[in-house]
Each structure stands twice: as structure tokens, then as C-alpha cells.
Amino acid sequence: MRRRHLLAAALFAVAPKPSRAAAGQATRGKLPLIATFSILGDMVASVGGDDVSVRVLVGPNQDVHIYEPAPRDLRDVVAASAVVENGLGLEGWMARLTGAAGFKGRTIVAAAQVKPRTMKEDGAIATDPHAWQNPQNGVLYAQSIAAGLSAADPAHAQAYASAATAYEDAIRQADARIEAAFASIPANRRRIITTHDAFGYYGARYGIEFLAAEGISTESEPSAKQIAALVRQIKREKIHAVFIENMTSDRMAKMLARETGAV
């Protein structure tokens, strides 16, 4: 149980509490911004503070990969001064959305300074867009966001720079705490099976090996045969903890833990 709580806490340790701006409330006198998904929305709110109003397109517990814009999203993009996106191919729908909206504002790519990793996707090697999973990349995100906001709103550039510096310090402190926490776990026990190859940056930063779940995907319900194969894999690889994305039911995770003795 402790390992499960440790990883869950570590994954989200650098996420700040969203402000009213991150909740998408448009406010007069504030720079109107669009953030493509909730993690970026929190980052932008932390750097922008009271000088920005942030509208998030893909909220918590929603999948940025399969986002479908609503009419309201189109209107908000038209009204925005800047759009903050992750980049690295995460938001494949973004160009279509801004094109349909006739967006003329500034596009801020949060991952612009990140050295990308690769991942397996549909049997092929692709760029891994989940760079924020490494807190050290989170520092680069904050810097890119601050630079973009300063270019879009020079009058508040100093405020953005100061907020970004404080936010970067908080991220570095969280990174140090996470590193220290994982140091207590032997390297050969830092092995996790996952159905979504999204944690490569996190694993590389903290020495965790993520293994693909054999025959299981996030796009469909697994069959009894696939579940049996996964149980065998967990036992064979000596996996001690089972995790599942918060966008899906935890029923399978509980069943796998029961069948394998993992937590």
C-alpha cells in the first residue's frame, strides 16, 4: 500500500492547486488564455497569477488524446490572446481547431526546450509527448510559459518572470523529495506494468522500469484470456504493485492485485 501511495503522490507532487483563473472563469482586465489540458492550465495559472484568465480545453480525468472540440471551445479560442499547448505532437487536433477558429494570437509551446524521448505507439516508434512527467522538464515548461506570456503581455513581464522563478524553485524542491523517496526502494523493485506508455520521462528520471502490459490496451475491455496472460506476466516479472489510470474503472486493478498478491 505504501508503494502505491508513494508513486501516486510523486506523480502529482509538482501540480499546484488551480486558481480561479485555471477554472476557466473569464475576468475583465486579465489576459485571456487557452491551455490545452488541465496540467498546463495549472502551470499557466501559477506563472500568470492574477494577470491572466485561463480556459482549459481538456479538464481533469479527460483524455487529451481523443479530445473533440465543442462550439464553446471554438468561441473561446477566437477570443484568446494566446494558446498554450504542450507540443511534441500531443495535441494533434490543435492545428485544426485554431485554423477553424481563425486564431490570430500567439501560440506558446510549453515543451519547446525539452529534449524529447521516444515511445512505442501502435507498434511504431514515435516522439513521447508526456515530457512534464519529469519535474526537471517542468522547470523548462515554466520558463517557456513565462517567456510566452511576457511576449504576449510585456506590461506584466516582470511579474511573470518572478512568478516563474518561484514556481521553478517549488518544482525543484518537489523533485528532490521524490528522488529521496525512491532512493529507499531497491532499484530491482522499481518495476511497473502499465497499459499506456506514458511514463518514460518519469521512469528515466527516477530509475523506474515500465513494462508494457501483454495484450492489454486502454482502448477496449480485456478478455478473460488477456487478463490471464497479464496475471502470468505480473507473477513472472515479480511486480509488487498495480496501478491504473484514473480515467478508467479500478475494478481490473483490484482483481489483478487479488490474483497476484500485488498491492
C-alpha atoms as a PDB file:
ATOM      1  CA  MET A   1       0.000   0.000   0.000  1.00  0.00           C
ATOM      2  CA  ARG A   2       2.835   2.404   0.821  1.00  0.00           C
ATOM      3  CA  ARG A   3       4.371   1.944  -2.653  1.00  0.00           C
ATOM      4  CA  ARG A   4       1.082   2.723  -4.346  1.00  0.00           C
ATOM      5  CA  HIS A   5       0.616   5.894  -2.316  1.00  0.00           C
ATOM      6  CA  LEU A   6       4.251   6.856  -2.873  1.00  0.00           C
ATOM      7  CA  LEU A   7       4.005   6.731  -6.661  1.00  0.00           C
ATOM      8  CA  ALA A   8       0.609   8.415  -6.759  1.00  0.00           C
ATOM      9  CA  ALA A   9       1.906  11.258  -4.607  1.00  0.00           C
ATOM     10  CA  ALA A  10       5.097  11.530  -6.608  1.00  0.00           C
ATOM     11  CA  LEU A  11       3.334  11.735  -9.956  1.00  0.00           C
ATOM     12  CA  PHE A  12       1.365  14.780  -8.902  1.00  0.00           C
ATOM     13  CA  ALA A  13       3.654  16.377  -6.331  1.00  0.00           C
ATOM     14  CA  VAL A  14       4.504  19.317  -8.578  1.00  0.00           C
ATOM     15  CA  ALA A  15       0.929  20.115  -9.572  1.00  0.00           C
ATOM     16  CA  PRO A  16      -0.190  23.336  -7.872  1.00  0.00           C
ATOM     17  CA  LYS A  17      -3.692  23.967  -6.652  1.00  0.00           C
ATOM     18  CA  PRO A  18      -5.577  25.573  -9.538  1.00  0.00           C
ATOM     19  CA  SER A  19      -6.625  29.175  -9.062  1.00  0.00           C
ATOM     20  CA  ARG A  20      -9.887  30.739 -10.193  1.00  0.00           C
ATOM     21  CA  ALA A  21      -8.140  31.554 -13.457  1.00  0.00           C
ATOM     22  CA  ALA A  22      -7.355  27.883 -14.073  1.00  0.00           C
ATOM     23  CA  ALA A  23     -11.008  27.042 -13.560  1.00  0.00           C
ATOM     24  CA  GLY A  24     -11.763  28.878 -16.771  1.00  0.00           C
ATOM     25  CA  GLN A  25     -13.511  31.946 -15.373  1.00  0.00           C
ATOM     26  CA  ALA A  26     -13.045  34.840 -17.768  1.00  0.00           C
ATOM     27  CA  THR A  27     -12.235  38.039 -15.859  1.00  0.00           C
ATOM     28  CA  ARG A  28     -12.162  41.579 -17.170  1.00  0.00           C
ATOM     29  CA  GLY A  29      -8.731  43.147 -17.463  1.00  0.00           C
ATOM     30  CA  LYS A  30      -6.910  39.820 -17.459  1.00  0.00           C
ATOM     31  CA  LEU A  31      -5.028  38.333 -20.406  1.00  0.00           C
ATOM     32  CA  PRO A  32      -7.393  35.705 -21.891  1.00  0.00           C
ATOM     33  CA  LEU A  33      -5.552  32.429 -22.451  1.00  0.00           C
ATOM     34  CA  ILE A  34      -6.317  28.908 -23.622  1.00  0.00           C
ATOM     35  CA  ALA A  35      -4.460  25.915 -22.133  1.00  0.00           C
ATOM     36  CA  THR A  36      -4.948  22.648 -23.949  1.00  0.00           C
ATOM     37  CA  PHE A  37      -5.242  20.439 -20.854  1.00  0.00           C
ATOM     38  CA  SER A  38      -5.511  20.723 -17.089  1.00  0.00           C
ATOM     39  CA  ILE A  39      -1.849  20.239 -16.134  1.00  0.00           C
ATOM     40  CA  LEU A  40      -0.829  23.061 -18.453  1.00  0.00           C
ATOM     41  CA  GLY A  41      -3.720  25.108 -17.110  1.00  0.00           C
ATOM     42  CA  ASP A  42      -2.353  24.794 -13.588  1.00  0.00           C
ATOM     43  CA  MET A  43       1.142  25.714 -14.757  1.00  0.00           C
ATOM     44  CA  VAL A  44      -0.087  28.757 -16.672  1.00  0.00           C
ATOM     45  CA  ALA A  45      -2.166  29.904 -13.686  1.00  0.00           C
ATOM     46  CA  SER A  46       0.880  29.575 -11.423  1.00  0.00           C
ATOM     47  CA  VAL A  47       3.066  31.660 -13.732  1.00  0.00           C
ATOM     48  CA  GLY A  48       0.388  34.112 -14.850  1.00  0.00           C
ATOM     49  CA  GLY A  49      -1.188  34.704 -11.461  1.00  0.00           C
ATOM     50  CA  ASP A  50      -3.771  37.465 -11.213  1.00  0.00           C
ATOM     51  CA  ASP A  51      -2.835  38.909 -14.599  1.00  0.00           C
ATOM     52  CA  VAL A  52      -4.306  36.062 -16.660  1.00  0.00           C
ATOM     53  CA  SER A  53      -7.581  34.227 -17.146  1.00  0.00           C
ATOM     54  CA  VAL A  54      -7.094  30.633 -18.257  1.00  0.00           C
ATOM     55  CA  ARG A  55      -9.640  28.472 -20.057  1.00  0.00           C
ATOM     56  CA  VAL A  56      -8.729  24.766 -20.097  1.00  0.00           C
ATOM     57  CA  LEU A  57      -9.972  22.701 -23.038  1.00  0.00           C
ATOM     58  CA  VAL A  58      -9.373  19.170 -21.695  1.00  0.00           C
ATOM     59  CA  GLY A  59     -10.171  19.018 -17.998  1.00  0.00           C
ATOM     60  CA  PRO A  60      -9.094  16.611 -15.226  1.00  0.00           C
ATOM     61  CA  ASN A  61      -9.981  12.949 -15.805  1.00  0.00           C
ATOM     62  CA  GLN A  62     -10.370  13.567 -19.542  1.00  0.00           C
ATOM     63  CA  ASP A  63      -8.121  12.193 -22.295  1.00  0.00           C
ATOM     64  CA  VAL A  64      -6.219  14.814 -24.270  1.00  0.00           C
ATOM     65  CA  HIS A  65      -5.505  12.246 -26.995  1.00  0.00           C
ATOM     66  CA  ILE A  66      -9.156  11.864 -28.004  1.00  0.00           C
ATOM     67  CA  TYR A  67     -10.419  15.393 -27.387  1.00  0.00           C
ATOM     68  CA  GLU A  68     -13.260  16.606 -29.589  1.00  0.00           C
ATOM     69  CA  PRO A  69     -13.887  20.368 -29.535  1.00  0.00           C
ATOM     70  CA  ALA A  70     -17.265  21.796 -28.618  1.00  0.00           C
ATOM     71  CA  PRO A  71     -18.742  25.034 -30.036  1.00  0.00           C
ATOM     72  CA  ARG A  72     -17.835  26.864 -26.825  1.00  0.00           C
ATOM     73  CA  ASP A  73     -14.184  25.862 -27.279  1.00  0.00           C
ATOM     74  CA  LEU A  74     -14.143  27.414 -30.736  1.00  0.00           C
ATOM     75  CA  ARG A  75     -15.547  30.692 -29.394  1.00  0.00           C
ATOM     76  CA  ASP A  76     -13.019  30.792 -26.544  1.00  0.00           C
ATOM     77  CA  VAL A  77     -10.095  30.180 -28.905  1.00  0.00           C
ATOM     78  CA  VAL A  78     -11.264  33.068 -31.078  1.00  0.00           C
ATOM     79  CA  ALA A  79     -11.305  35.355 -28.017  1.00  0.00           C
ATOM     80  CA  ALA A  80      -7.929  34.244 -26.604  1.00  0.00           C
ATOM     81  CA  SER A  81      -4.770  36.340 -26.804  1.00  0.00           C
ATOM     82  CA  ALA A  82      -2.591  33.226 -26.616  1.00  0.00           C
ATOM     83  CA  VAL A  83      -2.892  29.464 -26.688  1.00  0.00           C
ATOM     84  CA  VAL A  84      -0.578  27.358 -24.517  1.00  0.00           C
ATOM     85  CA  GLU A  85      -0.035  23.836 -25.828  1.00  0.00           C
ATOM     86  CA  ASN A  86       2.291  21.035 -24.827  1.00  0.00           C
ATOM     87  CA  GLY A  87       3.722  20.367 -28.273  1.00  0.00           C
ATOM     88  CA  LEU A  88       5.713  17.233 -29.194  1.00  0.00           C
ATOM     89  CA  GLY A  89       2.652  16.016 -31.108  1.00  0.00           C
ATOM     90  CA  LEU A  90       0.398  15.613 -28.065  1.00  0.00           C
ATOM     91  CA  GLU A  91      -2.422  17.792 -29.374  1.00  0.00           C
ATOM     92  CA  GLY A  92      -2.784  16.513 -32.920  1.00  0.00           C
ATOM     93  CA  TRP A  93      -6.121  18.299 -33.150  1.00  0.00           C
ATOM     94  CA  MET A  94      -4.810  21.745 -32.230  1.00  0.00           C
ATOM     95  CA  ALA A  95      -3.924  22.997 -35.716  1.00  0.00           C
ATOM     96  CA  ARG A  96      -7.388  22.087 -36.964  1.00  0.00           C
ATOM     97  CA  LEU A  97      -9.035  23.884 -34.041  1.00  0.00           C
ATOM     98  CA  THR A  98      -7.035  27.113 -34.360  1.00  0.00           C
ATOM     99  CA  GLY A  99      -7.466  27.015 -38.124  1.00  0.00           C
ATOM    100  CA  ALA A 100     -11.238  26.641 -37.860  1.00  0.00           C
ATOM    101  CA  ALA A 101     -11.322  29.464 -35.301  1.00  0.00           C
ATOM    102  CA  GLY A 102      -9.176  31.751 -37.445  1.00  0.00           C
ATOM    103  CA  PHE A 103      -6.948  32.206 -34.391  1.00  0.00           C
ATOM    104  CA  LYS A 104      -4.565  35.153 -34.811  1.00  0.00           C
ATOM    105  CA  GLY A 105      -2.995  35.207 -31.353  1.00  0.00           C
ATOM    106  CA  ARG A 106       0.260  33.792 -30.010  1.00  0.00           C
ATOM    107  CA  THR A 107       0.930  30.060 -29.635  1.00  0.00           C
ATOM    108  CA  ILE A 108       3.119  29.156 -26.654  1.00  0.00           C
ATOM    109  CA  VAL A 109       4.689  25.684 -26.797  1.00  0.00           C
ATOM    110  CA  ALA A 110       5.436  24.635 -23.227  1.00  0.00           C
ATOM    111  CA  ALA A 111       7.755  21.778 -24.204  1.00  0.00           C
ATOM    112  CA  ALA A 112       9.781  23.880 -26.649  1.00  0.00           C
ATOM    113  CA  GLN A 113      13.022  23.484 -24.652  1.00  0.00           C
ATOM    114  CA  VAL A 114      12.599  19.790 -23.835  1.00  0.00           C
ATOM    115  CA  LYS A 115      14.893  17.133 -25.268  1.00  0.00           C
ATOM    116  CA  PRO A 116      12.279  14.600 -26.429  1.00  0.00           C
ATOM    117  CA  ARG A 117      12.292  10.889 -25.788  1.00  0.00           C
ATOM    118  CA  THR A 118      10.689   8.213 -27.953  1.00  0.00           C
ATOM    119  CA  MET A 119       7.956   5.708 -27.155  1.00  0.00           C
ATOM    120  CA  LYS A 120       6.194   2.767 -28.782  1.00  0.00           C
ATOM    121  CA  GLU A 121       2.837   3.659 -30.292  1.00  0.00           C
ATOM    122  CA  ASP A 122       0.776   1.237 -32.369  1.00  0.00           C
ATOM    123  CA  GLY A 123       3.873  -0.878 -32.932  1.00  0.00           C
ATOM    124  CA  ALA A 124       5.963   2.048 -34.194  1.00  0.00           C
ATOM    125  CA  ILE A 125       8.493   4.395 -32.594  1.00  0.00           C
ATOM    126  CA  ALA A 126       7.129   7.899 -32.031  1.00  0.00           C
ATOM    127  CA  THR A 127       8.018  11.030 -30.077  1.00  0.00           C
ATOM    128  CA  ASP A 128       6.901  10.752 -26.461  1.00  0.00           C
ATOM    129  CA  PRO A 129       4.933  13.938 -25.690  1.00  0.00           C
ATOM    130  CA  HIS A 130       4.491  13.338 -21.926  1.00  0.00           C
ATOM    131  CA  ALA A 131       7.554  15.399 -21.006  1.00  0.00           C
ATOM    132  CA  TRP A 132       6.007  17.021 -17.916  1.00  0.00           C
ATOM    133  CA  GLN A 133       6.315  13.673 -16.102  1.00  0.00           C
ATOM    134  CA  ASN A 134       9.933  14.624 -15.379  1.00  0.00           C
ATOM    135  CA  PRO A 135       9.871  17.593 -12.961  1.00  0.00           C
ATOM    136  CA  GLN A 136      13.125  18.843 -14.432  1.00  0.00           C
ATOM    137  CA  ASN A 137      11.203  19.335 -17.658  1.00  0.00           C
ATOM    138  CA  GLY A 138       8.546  21.099 -15.608  1.00  0.00           C
ATOM    139  CA  VAL A 139      11.137  23.807 -14.952  1.00  0.00           C
ATOM    140  CA  LEU A 140      11.599  24.179 -18.709  1.00  0.00           C
ATOM    141  CA  TYR A 141       7.831  24.372 -19.151  1.00  0.00           C
ATOM    142  CA  ALA A 142       7.632  27.211 -16.625  1.00  0.00           C
ATOM    143  CA  GLN A 143      10.395  29.092 -18.413  1.00  0.00           C
ATOM    144  CA  SER A 144       8.732  28.733 -21.821  1.00  0.00           C
ATOM    145  CA  ILE A 145       5.357  29.755 -20.443  1.00  0.00           C
ATOM    146  CA  ALA A 146       6.838  32.830 -18.755  1.00  0.00           C
ATOM    147  CA  ALA A 147       8.634  33.847 -21.954  1.00  0.00           C
ATOM    148  CA  GLY A 148       5.460  33.412 -23.993  1.00  0.00           C
ATOM    149  CA  LEU A 149       3.298  35.363 -21.563  1.00  0.00           C
ATOM    150  CA  SER A 150       5.871  38.153 -21.419  1.00  0.00           C
ATOM    151  CA  ALA A 151       5.866  38.403 -25.216  1.00  0.00           C
ATOM    152  CA  ALA A 152       2.055  38.482 -25.297  1.00  0.00           C
ATOM    153  CA  ASP A 153       1.780  40.937 -22.384  1.00  0.00           C
ATOM    154  CA  PRO A 154       5.035  42.944 -21.972  1.00  0.00           C
ATOM    155  CA  ALA A 155       3.494  45.211 -19.335  1.00  0.00           C
ATOM    156  CA  HIS A 156       3.474  42.338 -16.834  1.00  0.00           C
ATOM    157  CA  ALA A 157       6.708  40.649 -17.940  1.00  0.00           C
ATOM    158  CA  GLN A 158       8.450  41.213 -14.605  1.00  0.00           C
ATOM    159  CA  ALA A 159       5.549  39.694 -12.682  1.00  0.00           C
ATOM    160  CA  TYR A 160       5.573  36.642 -14.945  1.00  0.00           C
ATOM    161  CA  ALA A 161       9.338  36.233 -14.533  1.00  0.00           C
ATOM    162  CA  SER A 162       9.133  36.477 -10.747  1.00  0.00           C
ATOM    163  CA  ALA A 163       6.246  34.013 -10.507  1.00  0.00           C
ATOM    164  CA  ALA A 164       8.045  31.580 -12.810  1.00  0.00           C
ATOM    165  CA  THR A 165      11.193  31.717 -10.660  1.00  0.00           C
ATOM    166  CA  ALA A 166       9.194  30.906  -7.520  1.00  0.00           C
ATOM    167  CA  TYR A 167       7.345  28.111  -9.317  1.00  0.00           C
ATOM    168  CA  GLU A 168      10.591  26.624 -10.650  1.00  0.00           C
ATOM    169  CA  ASP A 169      12.007  26.570  -7.108  1.00  0.00           C
ATOM    170  CA  ALA A 170       8.908  24.711  -5.894  1.00  0.00           C
ATOM    171  CA  ILE A 171       9.272  22.164  -8.700  1.00  0.00           C
ATOM    172  CA  ARG A 172      12.948  21.598  -7.890  1.00  0.00           C
ATOM    173  CA  GLN A 173      12.098  21.053  -4.232  1.00  0.00           C
ATOM    174  CA  ALA A 174       9.407  18.532  -5.163  1.00  0.00           C
ATOM    175  CA  ASP A 175      11.841  16.768  -7.492  1.00  0.00           C
ATOM    176  CA  ALA A 176      14.354  16.415  -4.645  1.00  0.00           C
ATOM    177  CA  ARG A 177      11.668  14.982  -2.336  1.00  0.00           C
ATOM    178  CA  ILE A 178      10.565  12.446  -4.950  1.00  0.00           C
ATOM    179  CA  GLU A 179      14.158  11.401  -5.665  1.00  0.00           C
ATOM    180  CA  ALA A 180      14.800  10.891  -1.958  1.00  0.00           C
ATOM    181  CA  ALA A 181      11.610   8.861  -1.559  1.00  0.00           C
ATOM    182  CA  PHE A 182      12.507   6.489  -4.396  1.00  0.00           C
ATOM    183  CA  ALA A 183      16.048   6.124  -3.078  1.00  0.00           C
ATOM    184  CA  SER A 184      14.613   3.979  -0.269  1.00  0.00           C
ATOM    185  CA  ILE A 185      13.249   1.448  -2.788  1.00  0.00           C
ATOM    186  CA  PRO A 186      15.806  -1.032  -4.225  1.00  0.00           C
ATOM    187  CA  ALA A 187      16.369  -0.482  -7.937  1.00  0.00           C
ATOM    188  CA  ASN A 188      15.287  -4.034  -8.810  1.00  0.00           C
ATOM    189  CA  ARG A 189      11.891  -3.394  -7.218  1.00  0.00           C
ATOM    190  CA  ARG A 190      11.178  -0.241  -9.222  1.00  0.00           C
ATOM    191  CA  ARG A 191       9.306  -2.101 -11.946  1.00  0.00           C
ATOM    192  CA  ILE A 192       5.761  -1.291 -13.047  1.00  0.00           C
ATOM    193  CA  ILE A 193       3.410  -2.744 -15.651  1.00  0.00           C
ATOM    194  CA  THR A 194       1.257  -0.171 -17.424  1.00  0.00           C
ATOM    195  CA  THR A 195      -1.274  -0.223 -20.265  1.00  0.00           C
ATOM    196  CA  HIS A 196      -0.195   3.201 -21.560  1.00  0.00           C
ATOM    197  CA  ASP A 197       3.399   4.028 -22.458  1.00  0.00           C
ATOM    198  CA  ALA A 198       3.203   7.497 -20.934  1.00  0.00           C
ATOM    199  CA  PHE A 199       5.765   7.468 -18.129  1.00  0.00           C
ATOM    200  CA  GLY A 200       9.078   7.232 -19.980  1.00  0.00           C
ATOM    201  CA  TYR A 201      10.291  10.612 -18.742  1.00  0.00           C
ATOM    202  CA  TYR A 202       9.282   9.806 -15.180  1.00  0.00           C
ATOM    203  CA  GLY A 203      10.935   6.390 -15.290  1.00  0.00           C
ATOM    204  CA  ALA A 204      14.169   7.782 -16.721  1.00  0.00           C
ATOM    205  CA  ARG A 205      14.347  10.474 -14.047  1.00  0.00           C
ATOM    206  CA  TYR A 206      13.849   8.154 -11.058  1.00  0.00           C
ATOM    207  CA  GLY A 207      15.200   4.847 -12.312  1.00  0.00           C
ATOM    208  CA  ILE A 208      11.840   3.088 -12.754  1.00  0.00           C
ATOM    209  CA  GLU A 209      11.297   0.399 -15.377  1.00  0.00           C
ATOM    210  CA  PHE A 210       7.868   0.500 -17.017  1.00  0.00           C
ATOM    211  CA  LEU A 211       6.786  -2.697 -18.754  1.00  0.00           C
ATOM    212  CA  ALA A 212       4.018  -2.934 -21.345  1.00  0.00           C
ATOM    213  CA  ALA A 213       1.017  -4.993 -20.304  1.00  0.00           C
ATOM    214  CA  GLU A 214       0.886  -8.000 -22.612  1.00  0.00           C
ATOM    215  CA  GLY A 215      -2.255  -7.983 -24.773  1.00  0.00           C
ATOM    216  CA  ILE A 216      -3.934  -5.145 -22.862  1.00  0.00           C
ATOM    217  CA  SER A 217      -4.743  -1.680 -24.175  1.00  0.00           C
ATOM    218  CA  THR A 218      -6.621   1.336 -22.830  1.00  0.00           C
ATOM    219  CA  GLU A 219      -8.932   1.346 -25.856  1.00  0.00           C
ATOM    220  CA  SER A 220     -11.017  -1.752 -25.140  1.00  0.00           C
ATOM    221  CA  GLU A 221     -12.101  -4.077 -22.341  1.00  0.00           C
ATOM    222  CA  PRO A 222      -9.677  -7.020 -21.986  1.00  0.00           C
ATOM    223  CA  SER A 223     -10.874 -10.561 -22.490  1.00  0.00           C
ATOM    224  CA  ALA A 224     -10.550 -13.299 -19.871  1.00  0.00           C
ATOM    225  CA  LYS A 225      -7.642 -14.742 -21.878  1.00  0.00           C
ATOM    226  CA  GLN A 226      -5.840 -11.378 -21.901  1.00  0.00           C
ATOM    227  CA  ILE A 227      -6.347 -10.914 -18.178  1.00  0.00           C
ATOM    228  CA  ALA A 228      -4.981 -14.405 -17.504  1.00  0.00           C
ATOM    229  CA  ALA A 229      -1.900 -13.585 -19.598  1.00  0.00           C
ATOM    230  CA  LEU A 230      -1.422 -10.352 -17.641  1.00  0.00           C
ATOM    231  CA  VAL A 231      -1.661 -12.200 -14.317  1.00  0.00           C
ATOM    232  CA  ARG A 232       1.067 -14.557 -15.501  1.00  0.00           C
ATOM    233  CA  GLN A 233       3.197 -11.611 -16.617  1.00  0.00           C
ATOM    234  CA  ILE A 234       2.865  -9.858 -13.253  1.00  0.00           C
ATOM    235  CA  LYS A 235       3.940 -13.013 -11.437  1.00  0.00           C
ATOM    236  CA  ARG A 236       6.770 -13.719 -13.891  1.00  0.00           C
ATOM    237  CA  GLU A 237       8.156 -10.172 -13.697  1.00  0.00           C
ATOM    238  CA  LYS A 238       7.711 -10.113  -9.891  1.00  0.00           C
ATOM    239  CA  ILE A 239       5.653  -6.912  -9.987  1.00  0.00           C
ATOM    240  CA  HIS A 240       4.649  -5.794  -6.495  1.00  0.00           C
ATOM    241  CA  ALA A 241       2.161  -3.008  -7.235  1.00  0.00           C
ATOM    242  CA  VAL A 242      -0.714  -2.477  -9.672  1.00  0.00           C
ATOM    243  CA  PHE A 243      -1.670   0.976 -10.947  1.00  0.00           C
ATOM    244  CA  ILE A 244      -4.405   2.053 -13.330  1.00  0.00           C
ATOM    245  CA  GLU A 245      -5.236   5.353 -14.991  1.00  0.00           C
ATOM    246  CA  ASN A 246      -7.794   7.486 -13.200  1.00  0.00           C
ATOM    247  CA  MET A 247      -9.872   7.710 -16.375  1.00  0.00           C
ATOM    248  CA  THR A 248     -10.844   4.042 -16.142  1.00  0.00           C
ATOM    249  CA  SER A 249     -12.509   1.795 -13.585  1.00  0.00           C
ATOM    250  CA  ASP A 250     -10.278   0.411 -10.847  1.00  0.00           C
ATOM    251  CA  ARG A 251     -12.105  -2.925 -10.973  1.00  0.00           C
ATOM    252  CA  MET A 252      -9.406  -4.622 -13.056  1.00  0.00           C
ATOM    253  CA  ALA A 253      -6.600  -3.273 -10.869  1.00  0.00           C
ATOM    254  CA  LYS A 254      -8.263  -4.661  -7.753  1.00  0.00           C
ATOM    255  CA  MET A 255      -8.792  -8.019  -9.442  1.00  0.00           C
ATOM    256  CA  LEU A 256      -5.164  -8.194 -10.599  1.00  0.00           C
ATOM    257  CA  ALA A 257      -3.925  -7.315  -7.113  1.00  0.00           C
ATOM    258  CA  ARG A 258      -6.120 -10.051  -5.643  1.00  0.00           C
ATOM    259  CA  GLU A 259      -4.952 -12.664  -8.164  1.00  0.00           C
ATOM    260  CA  THR A 260      -1.258 -11.842  -7.954  1.00  0.00           C
ATOM    261  CA  GLY A 261      -0.725 -10.697  -4.389  1.00  0.00           C
ATOM    262  CA  ALA A 262       0.362  -7.231  -5.537  1.00  0.00           C
ATOM    263  CA  VAL A 263      -0.890  -4.094  -3.791  1.00  0.00           C
END
